[in-house]
Amino acid sequence: MARPETPEGLILDELVRVIVGGIVDVPDRIQTVVIESGNTVIIELSVAKEDLGKVIGREGSMANALRALLSNAATKLHRRSLLQIVE
């Protein structure tokens, strides 16, 4: 797991971990990789295989909601964000 380089990256990483932790059945298997490039923070999220559907949601609704929350938090920190859900 790559740790964030900046305080803003750490905040966004923790936000994703807390929200996803409340959704999944196996929170111990949440893994994130934070990649910071300039003004953009990319968070690669992986969860247990049995929790993948919960994180994505019906027709991607949960994933879109997670991305919206992350984007709003990143905007407040004067950053751009991208959430990638990795199988």
Protein backbone atom coordinates (compact mmCIF):
# COMPACT_ATOMS: atom_id res chain seq x y z
CA MET A 1 0.00 0.00 0.00
CA ALA A 2 1.49 3.31 -1.08
CA ARG A 3 1.00 6.01 1.51
CA PRO A 4 0.09 9.52 0.40
CA GLU A 5 2.85 12.07 -0.01
CA THR A 6 0.85 15.11 1.11
CA PRO A 7 -1.64 15.85 3.92
CA GLU A 8 -4.35 16.34 1.29
CA GLY A 9 -3.67 12.87 -0.12
CA LEU A 10 -3.87 11.41 3.38
CA ILE A 11 -7.22 13.09 4.03
CA LEU A 12 -8.71 11.79 0.77
CA ASP A 13 -7.32 8.29 1.40
CA GLU A 14 -8.85 8.17 4.88
CA LEU A 15 -12.18 9.47 3.55
CA VAL A 16 -12.39 6.60 1.06
CA ARG A 17 -11.34 4.04 3.69
CA VAL A 18 -13.94 5.20 6.23
CA ILE A 19 -16.82 5.32 3.76
CA VAL A 20 -15.99 1.99 2.10
CA GLY A 21 -15.40 0.42 5.53
CA GLY A 22 -19.04 1.09 6.34
CA ILE A 23 -20.23 -0.58 3.15
CA VAL A 24 -18.24 -3.82 2.95
CA ASP A 25 -18.50 -7.00 5.03
CA VAL A 26 -14.70 -7.52 5.22
CA PRO A 27 -13.19 -4.11 6.05
CA ASP A 28 -9.79 -5.69 6.78
CA ARG A 29 -9.37 -6.40 3.05
CA ILE A 30 -9.68 -2.75 1.98
CA GLN A 31 -6.49 -1.70 0.23
CA THR A 32 -5.72 1.66 -1.30
CA VAL A 33 -2.85 2.93 -3.39
CA VAL A 34 -2.53 6.70 -3.56
CA ILE A 35 -0.77 8.21 -6.55
CA GLU A 36 -0.19 11.95 -6.52
CA SER A 37 0.71 13.72 -9.72
CA GLY A 38 0.78 17.48 -9.62
CA ASN A 39 -2.62 18.70 -8.53
CA THR A 40 -4.33 15.30 -8.99
CA VAL A 41 -4.78 12.53 -6.42
CA ILE A 42 -5.55 9.09 -7.85
CA ILE A 43 -6.83 6.49 -5.40
CA GLU A 44 -6.84 2.86 -6.50
CA LEU A 45 -9.26 0.91 -4.30
CA SER A 46 -9.43 -2.84 -3.96
CA VAL A 47 -11.72 -4.84 -1.70
CA ALA A 48 -12.53 -8.50 -1.12
CA LYS A 49 -14.05 -10.18 -4.17
CA GLU A 50 -17.35 -10.77 -2.37
CA ASP A 51 -17.61 -7.04 -1.54
CA LEU A 52 -16.87 -5.73 -5.04
CA GLY A 53 -20.55 -5.60 -6.02
CA LYS A 54 -21.40 -3.61 -2.90
CA VAL A 55 -18.75 -1.01 -3.67
CA ILE A 56 -19.82 -0.66 -7.31
CA GLY A 57 -23.55 -0.84 -6.64
CA ARG A 58 -26.43 -1.37 -9.03
CA GLU A 59 -25.55 0.20 -12.38
CA GLY A 60 -22.52 1.83 -10.73
CA SER A 61 -24.60 4.02 -8.43
CA MET A 62 -22.45 3.44 -5.33
CA ALA A 63 -19.21 3.98 -7.26
CA ASN A 64 -20.58 7.23 -8.70
CA ALA A 65 -21.62 8.40 -5.23
CA LEU A 66 -18.14 7.60 -3.85
CA ARG A 67 -16.54 9.51 -6.71
CA ALA A 68 -18.83 12.51 -6.11
CA LEU A 69 -17.96 12.64 -2.40
CA LEU A 70 -14.26 12.28 -3.14
CA SER A 71 -14.43 14.99 -5.80
CA ASN A 72 -16.19 17.41 -3.44
CA ALA A 73 -13.63 16.83 -0.70
CA ALA A 74 -10.74 17.19 -3.17
CA THR A 75 -12.17 20.44 -4.53
CA LYS A 76 -12.23 21.87 -1.01
CA LEU A 77 -8.53 20.97 -0.75
CA HIS A 78 -7.82 22.60 -4.16
CA ARG A 79 -7.08 19.23 -5.76
CA ARG A 80 -8.54 16.98 -8.44
CA SER A 81 -9.35 13.39 -7.64
CA LEU A 82 -9.87 10.11 -9.43
CA LEU A 83 -11.16 6.89 -7.85
CA GLN A 84 -10.31 3.65 -9.60
CA ILE A 85 -11.90 0.45 -8.31
CA VAL A 86 -9.52 -2.42 -9.01
CA GLU A 87 -10.62 -6.06 -9.13
